[in-house]
Structures are given as structure tokens and as C-alpha cells.
Amino acid sequence: MTARYKRWYDYDPVLMEVIELLRSYQEELKAQAEVFLTKIEAQVGKETVEKFYEMVRPKDGGNRWYDKDPILSRTIELLRVVPPDVQKKAAQSFLDSLDELGLDRNIVKQSNTES
């Protein structure tokens, strides 16, 4: 039987963790999302990121939890469309940066088990 995924990030537990962290702590992790975007822009150029985002963002403004914030929206849309190997590296890099800052990323796992 083949595994079926409902969301584009369900296939990878590390990517799922990053998305859940961003969903649960949008304001707290916005700075980390901004660092991620800056790194991507340094590699491909800010103009390229902006053009890409204009192509993929919802034209009606979107109703997803991250559509309300341009930084989170860009971050998640970039993660969504890059190849899976890049998704995994970016997700792991994001988690590593949280660890380096001493931020407890297990809080999401704890709150999910308490629910």
C-alpha cells in the first residue's frame, strides 16, 4: 500500500516540524523566516524571489494561515516549490538555526501530545 499525503510537506517529518513551528509561533519565528529568505535572495537574487512569489501567491490574497504575513508566505511558498532534497536541507537548516539560538523546538511536540 502506498502512503498518501494530504499536504505537500507531510512526506517529511523534518519539514512537517518546521511548518508546525512556523504555524504555532508565527511572530516569534518571523525573524528566522526572514533570515531564510535573505539567504535564498543572496543565492538567486531578491528580484528573482519577488518575481517567483508574484507567480505563486494567491491572487485573491489567500485564506491560508500564512497568507496574512508576507514574510511567512514567501518562506512557505519557496519551501513548497523547491525540489524535495532542497526542502529537506532548508528545513534541517532552519531547525539547526533554532538550536543554535537555544530556542526549544520541542514545545510544539509537547503541546500536540497534551491536546
PDB file of N, CA and C in Angstrom:
ATOM      1  N   MET A   1       0.839  -1.181   0.000  1.00  0.00           N
ATOM      2  CA  MET A   1       0.000   0.000   0.000  1.00  0.00           C
ATOM      3  C   MET A   1       0.883   1.244   0.000  1.00  0.00           C
ATOM      4  N   THR A   2       0.583   2.180  -0.831  1.00  0.00           N
ATOM      5  CA  THR A   2       1.361   3.396  -0.958  1.00  0.00           C
ATOM      6  C   THR A   2       0.849   4.441   0.023  1.00  0.00           C
ATOM      7  N   ALA A   3       1.797   5.137   0.664  1.00  0.00           N
ATOM      8  CA  ALA A   3       1.405   6.206   1.581  1.00  0.00           C
ATOM      9  C   ALA A   3       0.801   7.362   0.786  1.00  0.00           C
ATOM     10  N   ARG A   4      -0.258   7.920   1.312  1.00  0.00           N
ATOM     11  CA  ARG A   4      -0.889   9.073   0.660  1.00  0.00           C
ATOM     12  C   ARG A   4      -0.766  10.263   1.594  1.00  0.00           C
ATOM     13  N   TYR A   5      -0.314  11.349   1.043  1.00  0.00           N
ATOM     14  CA  TYR A   5      -0.101  12.544   1.827  1.00  0.00           C
ATOM     15  C   TYR A   5      -1.163  13.575   1.484  1.00  0.00           C
ATOM     16  N   LYS A   6      -1.686  14.218   2.500  1.00  0.00           N
ATOM     17  CA  LYS A   6      -2.713  15.227   2.291  1.00  0.00           C
ATOM     18  C   LYS A   6      -2.100  16.577   1.942  1.00  0.00           C
ATOM     19  N   ARG A   7      -0.982  16.883   2.570  1.00  0.00           N
ATOM     20  CA  ARG A   7      -0.354  18.181   2.362  1.00  0.00           C
ATOM     21  C   ARG A   7       1.024  17.968   1.747  1.00  0.00           C
ATOM     22  N   TRP A   8       1.516  18.978   1.069  1.00  0.00           N
ATOM     23  CA  TRP A   8       2.779  18.854   0.346  1.00  0.00           C
ATOM     24  C   TRP A   8       3.958  18.560   1.252  1.00  0.00           C
ATOM     25  N   TYR A   9       3.875  18.846   2.524  1.00  0.00           N
ATOM     26  CA  TYR A   9       5.002  18.637   3.439  1.00  0.00           C
ATOM     27  C   TYR A   9       4.848  17.408   4.320  1.00  0.00           C
ATOM     28  N   ASP A  10       3.769  16.659   4.186  1.00  0.00           N
ATOM     29  CA  ASP A  10       3.520  15.509   5.055  1.00  0.00           C
ATOM     30  C   ASP A  10       4.504  14.360   4.870  1.00  0.00           C
ATOM     31  N   TYR A  11       5.192  14.310   3.752  1.00  0.00           N
ATOM     32  CA  TYR A  11       6.075  13.178   3.485  1.00  0.00           C
ATOM     33  C   TYR A  11       7.372  13.212   4.304  1.00  0.00           C
ATOM     34  N   ASP A  12       7.707  14.378   4.864  1.00  0.00           N
ATOM     35  CA  ASP A  12       8.984  14.536   5.557  1.00  0.00           C
ATOM     36  C   ASP A  12       8.745  15.068   6.973  1.00  0.00           C
ATOM     37  N   PRO A  13       9.103  14.283   7.997  1.00  0.00           N
ATOM     38  CA  PRO A  13       8.857  14.723   9.380  1.00  0.00           C
ATOM     39  C   PRO A  13       9.598  16.014   9.754  1.00  0.00           C
ATOM     40  N   VAL A  14      10.774  16.246   9.195  1.00  0.00           N
ATOM     41  CA  VAL A  14      11.522  17.473   9.498  1.00  0.00           C
ATOM     42  C   VAL A  14      10.803  18.682   8.903  1.00  0.00           C
ATOM     43  N   LEU A  15      10.352  18.554   7.678  1.00  0.00           N
ATOM     44  CA  LEU A  15       9.607  19.630   7.024  1.00  0.00           C
ATOM     45  C   LEU A  15       8.284  19.882   7.765  1.00  0.00           C
ATOM     46  N   MET A  16       7.625  18.814   8.187  1.00  0.00           N
ATOM     47  CA  MET A  16       6.386  18.958   8.964  1.00  0.00           C
ATOM     48  C   MET A  16       6.645  19.724  10.253  1.00  0.00           C
ATOM     49  N   GLU A  17       7.757  19.418  10.901  1.00  0.00           N
ATOM     50  CA  GLU A  17       8.091  20.102  12.156  1.00  0.00           C
ATOM     51  C   GLU A  17       8.302  21.599  11.921  1.00  0.00           C
ATOM     52  N   VAL A  18       9.005  21.946  10.856  1.00  0.00           N
ATOM     53  CA  VAL A  18       9.242  23.360  10.548  1.00  0.00           C
ATOM     54  C   VAL A  18       7.925  24.079  10.292  1.00  0.00           C
ATOM     55  N   ILE A  19       7.053  23.483   9.500  1.00  0.00           N
ATOM     56  CA  ILE A  19       5.776  24.116   9.188  1.00  0.00           C
ATOM     57  C   ILE A  19       4.946  24.280  10.456  1.00  0.00           C
ATOM     58  N   GLU A  20       4.917  23.258  11.296  1.00  0.00           N
ATOM     59  CA  GLU A  20       4.155  23.348  12.546  1.00  0.00           C
ATOM     60  C   GLU A  20       4.735  24.408  13.479  1.00  0.00           C
ATOM     61  N   LEU A  21       6.052  24.501  13.536  1.00  0.00           N
ATOM     62  CA  LEU A  21       6.675  25.555  14.350  1.00  0.00           C
ATOM     63  C   LEU A  21       6.287  26.933  13.838  1.00  0.00           C
ATOM     64  N   LEU A  22       6.374  27.113  12.525  1.00  0.00           N
ATOM     65  CA  LEU A  22       6.002  28.405  11.944  1.00  0.00           C
ATOM     66  C   LEU A  22       4.529  28.717  12.182  1.00  0.00           C
ATOM     67  N   ARG A  23       3.680  27.716  12.078  1.00  0.00           N
ATOM     68  CA  ARG A  23       2.240  27.920  12.304  1.00  0.00           C
ATOM     69  C   ARG A  23       1.978  28.303  13.766  1.00  0.00           C
ATOM     70  N   SER A  24       2.630  27.622  14.684  1.00  0.00           N
ATOM     71  CA  SER A  24       2.372  27.828  16.106  1.00  0.00           C
ATOM     72  C   SER A  24       3.025  29.083  16.666  1.00  0.00           C
ATOM     73  N   TYR A  25       4.137  29.479  16.087  1.00  0.00           N
ATOM     74  CA  TYR A  25       4.912  30.598  16.635  1.00  0.00           C
ATOM     75  C   TYR A  25       5.256  31.594  15.543  1.00  0.00           C
ATOM     76  N   GLN A  26       4.230  32.075  14.856  1.00  0.00           N
ATOM     77  CA  GLN A  26       4.443  32.951  13.712  1.00  0.00           C
ATOM     78  C   GLN A  26       5.242  34.192  14.075  1.00  0.00           C
ATOM     79  N   GLU A  27       4.842  34.894  15.105  1.00  0.00           N
ATOM     80  CA  GLU A  27       5.529  36.135  15.474  1.00  0.00           C
ATOM     81  C   GLU A  27       6.934  35.855  15.993  1.00  0.00           C
ATOM     82  N   GLU A  28       7.054  34.825  16.812  1.00  0.00           N
ATOM     83  CA  GLU A  28       8.337  34.513  17.431  1.00  0.00           C
ATOM     84  C   GLU A  28       9.379  34.057  16.415  1.00  0.00           C
ATOM     85  N   LEU A  29       8.940  33.381  15.361  1.00  0.00           N
ATOM     86  CA  LEU A  29       9.883  32.821  14.391  1.00  0.00           C
ATOM     87  C   LEU A  29       9.964  33.621  13.099  1.00  0.00           C
ATOM     88  N   LYS A  30       9.280  34.740  13.047  1.00  0.00           N
ATOM     89  CA  LYS A  30       9.307  35.552  11.829  1.00  0.00           C
ATOM     90  C   LYS A  30      10.735  35.991  11.490  1.00  0.00           C
ATOM     91  N   ALA A  31      11.533  36.312  12.493  1.00  0.00           N
ATOM     92  CA  ALA A  31      12.920  36.732  12.245  1.00  0.00           C
ATOM     93  C   ALA A  31      13.721  35.603  11.596  1.00  0.00           C
ATOM     94  N   GLN A  32      13.489  34.367  12.031  1.00  0.00           N
ATOM     95  CA  GLN A  32      14.187  33.225  11.431  1.00  0.00           C
ATOM     96  C   GLN A  32      13.735  33.015   9.987  1.00  0.00           C
ATOM     97  N   ALA A  33      12.461  33.220   9.732  1.00  0.00           N
ATOM     98  CA  ALA A  33      11.952  33.111   8.364  1.00  0.00           C
ATOM     99  C   ALA A  33      12.591  34.186   7.488  1.00  0.00           C
ATOM    100  N   GLU A  34      12.784  35.356   8.055  1.00  0.00           N
ATOM    101  CA  GLU A  34      13.400  36.450   7.302  1.00  0.00           C
ATOM    102  C   GLU A  34      14.866  36.133   6.973  1.00  0.00           C
ATOM    103  N   VAL A  35      15.566  35.511   7.918  1.00  0.00           N
ATOM    104  CA  VAL A  35      16.951  35.091   7.667  1.00  0.00           C
ATOM    105  C   VAL A  35      16.984  34.068   6.532  1.00  0.00           C
ATOM    106  N   PHE A  36      16.048  33.131   6.554  1.00  0.00           N
ATOM    107  CA  PHE A  36      15.950  32.130   5.491  1.00  0.00           C
ATOM    108  C   PHE A  36      15.772  32.814   4.138  1.00  0.00           C
ATOM    109  N   LEU A  37      14.841  33.772   4.067  1.00  0.00           N
ATOM    110  CA  LEU A  37      14.608  34.483   2.811  1.00  0.00           C
ATOM    111  C   LEU A  37      15.850  35.237   2.354  1.00  0.00           C
ATOM    112  N   THR A  38      16.542  35.848   3.288  1.00  0.00           N
ATOM    113  CA  THR A  38      17.758  36.599   2.957  1.00  0.00           C
ATOM    114  C   THR A  38      18.815  35.677   2.354  1.00  0.00           C
ATOM    115  N   LYS A  39      18.941  34.488   2.913  1.00  0.00           N
ATOM    116  CA  LYS A  39      19.907  33.518   2.372  1.00  0.00           C
ATOM    117  C   LYS A  39      19.530  33.095   0.956  1.00  0.00           C
ATOM    118  N   ILE A  40      18.241  32.864   0.732  1.00  0.00           N
ATOM    119  CA  ILE A  40      17.784  32.497  -0.611  1.00  0.00           C
ATOM    120  C   ILE A  40      18.032  33.648  -1.581  1.00  0.00           C
ATOM    121  N   GLU A  41      17.700  34.856  -1.156  1.00  0.00           N
ATOM    122  CA  GLU A  41      17.903  36.034  -2.015  1.00  0.00           C
ATOM    123  C   GLU A  41      19.376  36.224  -2.350  1.00  0.00           C
ATOM    124  N   ALA A  42      20.251  35.918  -1.405  1.00  0.00           N
ATOM    125  CA  ALA A  42      21.692  36.048  -1.653  1.00  0.00           C
ATOM    126  C   ALA A  42      22.148  35.061  -2.723  1.00  0.00           C
ATOM    127  N   GLN A  43      21.484  33.911  -2.793  1.00  0.00           N
ATOM    128  CA  GLN A  43      21.865  32.891  -3.766  1.00  0.00           C
ATOM    129  C   GLN A  43      21.280  33.145  -5.145  1.00  0.00           C
ATOM    130  N   VAL A  44      20.024  33.582  -5.192  1.00  0.00           N
ATOM    131  CA  VAL A  44      19.368  33.709  -6.501  1.00  0.00           C
ATOM    132  C   VAL A  44      19.010  35.146  -6.868  1.00  0.00           C
ATOM    133  N   GLY A  45      19.099  36.047  -5.909  1.00  0.00           N
ATOM    134  CA  GLY A  45      18.763  37.449  -6.163  1.00  0.00           C
ATOM    135  C   GLY A  45      17.378  37.795  -5.653  1.00  0.00           C
ATOM    136  N   LYS A  46      17.269  38.965  -5.046  1.00  0.00           N
ATOM    137  CA  LYS A  46      15.996  39.406  -4.477  1.00  0.00           C
ATOM    138  C   LYS A  46      14.925  39.549  -5.566  1.00  0.00           C
ATOM    139  N   GLU A  47      15.324  40.066  -6.708  1.00  0.00           N
ATOM    140  CA  GLU A  47      14.370  40.257  -7.799  1.00  0.00           C
ATOM    141  C   GLU A  47      13.781  38.917  -8.262  1.00  0.00           C
ATOM    142  N   THR A  48      14.612  37.898  -8.318  1.00  0.00           N
ATOM    143  CA  THR A  48      14.150  36.564  -8.716  1.00  0.00           C
ATOM    144  C   THR A  48      13.124  36.040  -7.720  1.00  0.00           C
ATOM    145  N   VAL A  49      13.404  36.205  -6.420  1.00  0.00           N
ATOM    146  CA  VAL A  49      12.473  35.755  -5.389  1.00  0.00           C
ATOM    147  C   VAL A  49      11.154  36.511  -5.515  1.00  0.00           C
ATOM    148  N   GLU A  50      11.224  37.816  -5.729  1.00  0.00           N
ATOM    149  CA  GLU A  50       9.998  38.618  -5.867  1.00  0.00           C
ATOM    150  C   GLU A  50       9.180  38.195  -7.083  1.00  0.00           C
ATOM    151  N   LYS A  51       9.845  37.976  -8.216  1.00  0.00           N
ATOM    152  CA  LYS A  51       9.134  37.541  -9.430  1.00  0.00           C
ATOM    153  C   LYS A  51       8.472  36.190  -9.212  1.00  0.00           C
ATOM    154  N   PHE A  52       9.211  35.283  -8.596  1.00  0.00           N
ATOM    155  CA  PHE A  52       8.667  33.962  -8.313  1.00  0.00           C
ATOM    156  C   PHE A  52       7.444  34.068  -7.408  1.00  0.00           C
ATOM    157  N   TYR A  53       7.570  34.843  -6.347  1.00  0.00           N
ATOM    158  CA  TYR A  53       6.472  34.968  -5.393  1.00  0.00           C
ATOM    159  C   TYR A  53       5.230  35.552  -6.066  1.00  0.00           C
ATOM    160  N   GLU A  54       5.420  36.503  -6.941  1.00  0.00           N
ATOM    161  CA  GLU A  54       4.286  37.079  -7.663  1.00  0.00           C
ATOM    162  C   GLU A  54       3.570  36.021  -8.510  1.00  0.00           C
ATOM    163  N   MET A  55       4.319  35.056  -9.009  1.00  0.00           N
ATOM    164  CA  MET A  55       3.727  33.989  -9.828  1.00  0.00           C
ATOM    165  C   MET A  55       2.938  32.989  -8.984  1.00  0.00           C
ATOM    166  N   VAL A  56       3.382  32.708  -7.764  1.00  0.00           N
ATOM    167  CA  VAL A  56       2.773  31.626  -6.982  1.00  0.00           C
ATOM    168  C   VAL A  56       1.807  32.088  -5.905  1.00  0.00           C
ATOM    169  N   ARG A  57       1.867  33.338  -5.522  1.00  0.00           N
ATOM    170  CA  ARG A  57       0.984  33.764  -4.428  1.00  0.00           C
ATOM    171  C   ARG A  57      -0.469  33.814  -4.908  1.00  0.00           C
ATOM    172  N   PRO A  58      -1.394  33.549  -4.005  1.00  0.00           N
ATOM    173  CA  PRO A  58      -2.812  33.586  -4.381  1.00  0.00           C
ATOM    174  C   PRO A  58      -3.218  34.999  -4.814  1.00  0.00           C
ATOM    175  N   LYS A  59      -3.920  35.084  -5.900  1.00  0.00           N
ATOM    176  CA  LYS A  59      -4.321  36.392  -6.429  1.00  0.00           C
ATOM    177  C   LYS A  59      -5.389  37.058  -5.571  1.00  0.00           C
ATOM    178  N   ASP A  60      -6.170  36.259  -4.847  1.00  0.00           N
ATOM    179  CA  ASP A  60      -7.232  36.807  -4.002  1.00  0.00           C
ATOM    180  C   ASP A  60      -6.753  37.130  -2.589  1.00  0.00           C
ATOM    181  N   GLY A  61      -5.459  37.084  -2.365  1.00  0.00           N
ATOM    182  CA  GLY A  61      -4.911  37.347  -1.039  1.00  0.00           C
ATOM    183  C   GLY A  61      -4.737  36.095  -0.215  1.00  0.00           C
ATOM    184  N   GLY A  62      -5.460  35.047  -0.559  1.00  0.00           N
ATOM    185  CA  GLY A  62      -5.317  33.761   0.116  1.00  0.00           C
ATOM    186  C   GLY A  62      -6.010  33.725   1.463  1.00  0.00           C
ATOM    187  N   ASN A  63      -6.362  32.535   1.871  1.00  0.00           N
ATOM    188  CA  ASN A  63      -7.004  32.371   3.174  1.00  0.00           C
ATOM    189  C   ASN A  63      -6.273  31.355   4.044  1.00  0.00           C
ATOM    190  N   ARG A  64      -5.061  31.005   3.652  1.00  0.00           N
ATOM    191  CA  ARG A  64      -4.265  30.091   4.466  1.00  0.00           C
ATOM    192  C   ARG A  64      -3.657  30.870   5.629  1.00  0.00           C
ATOM    193  N   TRP A  65      -3.314  30.183   6.695  1.00  0.00           N
ATOM    194  CA  TRP A  65      -2.822  30.854   7.898  1.00  0.00           C
ATOM    195  C   TRP A  65      -1.606  31.724   7.619  1.00  0.00           C
ATOM    196  N   TYR A  66      -0.773  31.368   6.650  1.00  0.00           N
ATOM    197  CA  TYR A  66       0.455  32.133   6.400  1.00  0.00           C
ATOM    198  C   TYR A  66       0.294  33.222   5.349  1.00  0.00           C
ATOM    199  N   ASP A  67      -0.834  33.273   4.673  1.00  0.00           N
ATOM    200  CA  ASP A  67      -1.038  34.277   3.632  1.00  0.00           C
ATOM    201  C   ASP A  67      -1.149  35.697   4.193  1.00  0.00           C
ATOM    202  N   LYS A  68      -1.435  35.818   5.458  1.00  0.00           N
ATOM    203  CA  LYS A  68      -1.613  37.142   6.070  1.00  0.00           C
ATOM    204  C   LYS A  68      -0.294  37.872   6.282  1.00  0.00           C
ATOM    205  N   ASP A  69       0.800  37.143   6.305  1.00  0.00           N
ATOM    206  CA  ASP A  69       2.107  37.748   6.569  1.00  0.00           C
ATOM    207  C   ASP A  69       3.020  37.521   5.363  1.00  0.00           C
ATOM    208  N   PRO A  70       3.526  38.591   4.746  1.00  0.00           N
ATOM    209  CA  PRO A  70       4.327  38.416   3.528  1.00  0.00           C
ATOM    210  C   PRO A  70       5.634  37.633   3.742  1.00  0.00           C
ATOM    211  N   ILE A  71       6.234  37.743   4.901  1.00  0.00           N
ATOM    212  CA  ILE A  71       7.480  37.011   5.160  1.00  0.00           C
ATOM    213  C   ILE A  71       7.201  35.517   5.268  1.00  0.00           C
ATOM    214  N   LEU A  72       6.212  35.165   6.078  1.00  0.00           N
ATOM    215  CA  LEU A  72       5.868  33.748   6.225  1.00  0.00           C
ATOM    216  C   LEU A  72       5.348  33.176   4.910  1.00  0.00           C
ATOM    217  N   SER A  73       4.568  33.955   4.201  1.00  0.00           N
ATOM    218  CA  SER A  73       4.028  33.486   2.930  1.00  0.00           C
ATOM    219  C   SER A  73       5.148  33.194   1.930  1.00  0.00           C
ATOM    220  N   ARG A  74       6.087  34.105   1.803  1.00  0.00           N
ATOM    221  CA  ARG A  74       7.216  33.877   0.887  1.00  0.00           C
ATOM    222  C   ARG A  74       8.026  32.660   1.309  1.00  0.00           C
ATOM    223  N   THR A  75       8.299  32.558   2.601  1.00  0.00           N
ATOM    224  CA  THR A  75       9.093  31.445   3.119  1.00  0.00           C
ATOM    225  C   THR A  75       8.432  30.112   2.796  1.00  0.00           C
ATOM    226  N   ILE A  76       7.163  29.987   3.099  1.00  0.00           N
ATOM    227  CA  ILE A  76       6.473  28.717   2.900  1.00  0.00           C
ATOM    228  C   ILE A  76       6.280  28.416   1.424  1.00  0.00           C
ATOM    229  N   GLU A  77       5.965  29.428   0.630  1.00  0.00           N
ATOM    230  CA  GLU A  77       5.821  29.196  -0.814  1.00  0.00           C
ATOM    231  C   GLU A  77       7.142  28.749  -1.436  1.00  0.00           C
ATOM    232  N   LEU A  78       8.250  29.336  -1.008  1.00  0.00           N
ATOM    233  CA  LEU A  78       9.555  28.893  -1.521  1.00  0.00           C
ATOM    234  C   LEU A  78       9.817  27.450  -1.122  1.00  0.00           C
ATOM    235  N   LEU A  79       9.550  27.131   0.133  1.00  0.00           N
ATOM    236  CA  LEU A  79       9.739  25.749   0.574  1.00  0.00           C
ATOM    237  C   LEU A  79       8.848  24.788  -0.214  1.00  0.00           C
ATOM    238  N   ARG A  80       7.657  25.228  -0.530  1.00  0.00           N
ATOM    239  CA  ARG A  80       6.687  24.358  -1.209  1.00  0.00           C
ATOM    240  C   ARG A  80       7.138  23.964  -2.612  1.00  0.00           C
ATOM    241  N   VAL A  81       7.793  24.864  -3.331  1.00  0.00           N
ATOM    242  CA  VAL A  81       8.049  24.603  -4.750  1.00  0.00           C
ATOM    243  C   VAL A  81       9.466  24.134  -5.079  1.00  0.00           C
ATOM    244  N   VAL A  82      10.374  24.221  -4.112  1.00  0.00           N
ATOM    245  CA  VAL A  82      11.725  23.744  -4.419  1.00  0.00           C
ATOM    246  C   VAL A  82      11.736  22.217  -4.414  1.00  0.00           C
ATOM    247  N   PRO A  83      12.731  21.625  -5.054  1.00  0.00           N
ATOM    248  CA  PRO A  83      12.814  20.151  -5.083  1.00  0.00           C
ATOM    249  C   PRO A  83      12.896  19.567  -3.667  1.00  0.00           C
ATOM    250  N   PRO A  84      12.427  18.328  -3.488  1.00  0.00           N
ATOM    251  CA  PRO A  84      12.410  17.702  -2.163  1.00  0.00           C
ATOM    252  C   PRO A  84      13.759  17.695  -1.445  1.00  0.00           C
ATOM    253  N   ASP A  85      14.857  17.491  -2.165  1.00  0.00           N
ATOM    254  CA  ASP A  85      16.153  17.487  -1.485  1.00  0.00           C
ATOM    255  C   ASP A  85      16.487  18.869  -0.940  1.00  0.00           C
ATOM    256  N   VAL A  86      16.092  19.914  -1.642  1.00  0.00           N
ATOM    257  CA  VAL A  86      16.315  21.283  -1.167  1.00  0.00           C
ATOM    258  C   VAL A  86      15.390  21.574   0.014  1.00  0.00           C
ATOM    259  N   GLN A  87      14.154  21.079  -0.047  1.00  0.00           N
ATOM    260  CA  GLN A  87      13.221  21.243   1.070  1.00  0.00           C
ATOM    261  C   GLN A  87      13.823  20.661   2.343  1.00  0.00           C
ATOM    262  N   LYS A  88      14.348  19.448   2.231  1.00  0.00           N
ATOM    263  CA  LYS A  88      14.909  18.777   3.404  1.00  0.00           C
ATOM    264  C   LYS A  88      16.094  19.535   3.974  1.00  0.00           C
ATOM    265  N   LYS A  89      16.991  19.991   3.089  1.00  0.00           N
ATOM    266  CA  LYS A  89      18.157  20.743   3.556  1.00  0.00           C
ATOM    267  C   LYS A  89      17.739  22.057   4.213  1.00  0.00           C
ATOM    268  N   ALA A  90      16.796  22.753   3.597  1.00  0.00           N
ATOM    269  CA  ALA A  90      16.339  24.036   4.137  1.00  0.00           C
ATOM    270  C   ALA A  90      15.640  23.835   5.484  1.00  0.00           C
ATOM    271  N   ALA A  91      14.815  22.811   5.575  1.00  0.00           N
ATOM    272  CA  ALA A  91      14.111  22.538   6.823  1.00  0.00           C
ATOM    273  C   ALA A  91      15.095  22.196   7.936  1.00  0.00           C
ATOM    274  N   GLN A  92      16.071  21.353   7.630  1.00  0.00           N
ATOM    275  CA  GLN A  92      17.055  20.993   8.641  1.00  0.00           C
ATOM    276  C   GLN A  92      17.893  22.199   9.046  1.00  0.00           C
ATOM    277  N   SER A  93      18.244  23.026   8.085  1.00  0.00           N
ATOM    278  CA  SER A  93      18.997  24.246   8.374  1.00  0.00           C
ATOM    279  C   SER A  93      18.203  25.175   9.294  1.00  0.00           C
ATOM    280  N   PHE A  94      16.900  25.281   9.046  1.00  0.00           N
ATOM    281  CA  PHE A  94      16.034  26.106   9.886  1.00  0.00           C
ATOM    282  C   PHE A  94      16.038  25.580  11.321  1.00  0.00           C
ATOM    283  N   LEU A  95      15.875  24.264  11.488  1.00  0.00           N
ATOM    284  CA  LEU A  95      15.884  23.675  12.827  1.00  0.00           C
ATOM    285  C   LEU A  95      17.237  23.839  13.501  1.00  0.00           C
ATOM    286  N   ASP A  96      18.305  23.664  12.740  1.00  0.00           N
ATOM    287  CA  ASP A  96      19.653  23.848  13.294  1.00  0.00           C
ATOM    288  C   ASP A  96      19.850  25.272  13.803  1.00  0.00           C
ATOM    289  N   SER A  97      19.328  26.243  13.055  1.00  0.00           N
ATOM    290  CA  SER A  97      19.484  27.632  13.483  1.00  0.00           C
ATOM    291  C   SER A  97      18.700  27.895  14.764  1.00  0.00           C
ATOM    292  N   LEU A  98      17.547  27.255  14.930  1.00  0.00           N
ATOM    293  CA  LEU A  98      16.805  27.396  16.180  1.00  0.00           C
ATOM    294  C   LEU A  98      17.597  26.804  17.340  1.00  0.00           C
ATOM    295  N   ASP A  99      18.206  25.641  17.103  1.00  0.00           N
ATOM    296  CA  ASP A  99      19.036  25.009  18.131  1.00  0.00           C
ATOM    297  C   ASP A  99      20.208  25.909  18.515  1.00  0.00           C
ATOM    298  N   GLU A 100      20.841  26.508  17.509  1.00  0.00           N
ATOM    299  CA  GLU A 100      21.983  27.395  17.773  1.00  0.00           C
ATOM    300  C   GLU A 100      21.579  28.605  18.606  1.00  0.00           C
ATOM    301  N   LEU A 101      20.360  29.071  18.417  1.00  0.00           N
ATOM    302  CA  LEU A 101      19.855  30.208  19.188  1.00  0.00           C
ATOM    303  C   LEU A 101      19.353  29.798  20.570  1.00  0.00           C
ATOM    304  N   GLY A 102      19.339  28.493  20.813  1.00  0.00           N
ATOM    305  CA  GLY A 102      18.881  27.997  22.103  1.00  0.00           C
ATOM    306  C   GLY A 102      17.367  27.993  22.256  1.00  0.00           C
ATOM    307  N   LEU A 103      16.654  28.023  21.129  1.00  0.00           N
ATOM    308  CA  LEU A 103      15.188  28.000  21.175  1.00  0.00           C
ATOM    309  C   LEU A 103      14.700  26.563  21.270  1.00  0.00           C
ATOM    310  N   ASP A 104      13.727  26.325  22.133  1.00  0.00           N
ATOM    311  CA  ASP A 104      13.204  24.983  22.351  1.00  0.00           C
ATOM    312  C   ASP A 104      12.161  24.650  21.295  1.00  0.00           C
ATOM    313  N   ARG A 105      12.543  23.830  20.354  1.00  0.00           N
ATOM    314  CA  ARG A 105      11.605  23.459  19.295  1.00  0.00           C
ATOM    315  C   ARG A 105      10.715  22.292  19.691  1.00  0.00           C
ATOM    316  N   ASN A 106      10.961  21.688  20.837  1.00  0.00           N
ATOM    317  CA  ASN A 106      10.136  20.573  21.300  1.00  0.00           C
ATOM    318  C   ASN A 106       8.804  21.031  21.863  1.00  0.00           C
ATOM    319  N   ILE A 107       8.627  22.317  22.035  1.00  0.00           N
ATOM    320  CA  ILE A 107       7.392  22.848  22.594  1.00  0.00           C
ATOM    321  C   ILE A 107       6.181  22.453  21.746  1.00  0.00           C
ATOM    322  N   VAL A 108       6.341  22.398  20.435  1.00  0.00           N
ATOM    323  CA  VAL A 108       5.230  22.013  19.562  1.00  0.00           C
ATOM    324  C   VAL A 108       4.882  20.551  19.786  1.00  0.00           C
ATOM    325  N   LYS A 109       5.894  19.697  19.903  1.00  0.00           N
ATOM    326  CA  LYS A 109       5.640  18.278  20.142  1.00  0.00           C
ATOM    327  C   LYS A 109       4.923  18.091  21.474  1.00  0.00           C
ATOM    328  N   GLN A 110       5.344  18.863  22.495  1.00  0.00           N
ATOM    329  CA  GLN A 110       4.716  18.747  23.815  1.00  0.00           C
ATOM    330  C   GLN A 110       3.266  19.209  23.776  1.00  0.00           C
ATOM    331  N   SER A 111       3.014  20.334  23.103  1.00  0.00           N
ATOM    332  CA  SER A 111       1.650  20.846  23.070  1.00  0.00           C
ATOM    333  C   SER A 111       0.744  19.933  22.226  1.00  0.00           C
ATOM    334  N   ASN A 112       1.292  19.259  21.230  1.00  0.00           N
ATOM    335  CA  ASN A 112       0.492  18.336  20.427  1.00  0.00           C
ATOM    336  C   ASN A 112       0.105  17.094  21.226  1.00  0.00           C
ATOM    337  N   THR A 113       0.967  16.631  22.131  1.00  0.00           N
ATOM    338  CA  THR A 113       0.655  15.452  22.921  1.00  0.00           C
ATOM    339  C   THR A 113      -0.291  15.783  24.063  1.00  0.00           C
ATOM    340  N   GLU A 114      -0.304  17.040  24.493  1.00  0.00           N
ATOM    341  CA  GLU A 114      -1.201  17.456  25.570  1.00  0.00           C
ATOM    342  C   GLU A 114      -2.613  17.666  25.071  1.00  0.00           C
ATOM    343  N   SER A 115      -2.784  17.918  23.784  1.00  0.00           N
ATOM    344  CA  SER A 115      -4.118  18.212  23.230  1.00  0.00           C
ATOM    345  C   SER A 115      -5.009  17.005  23.218  1.00  0.00           C
TER     346      SER A 115
END
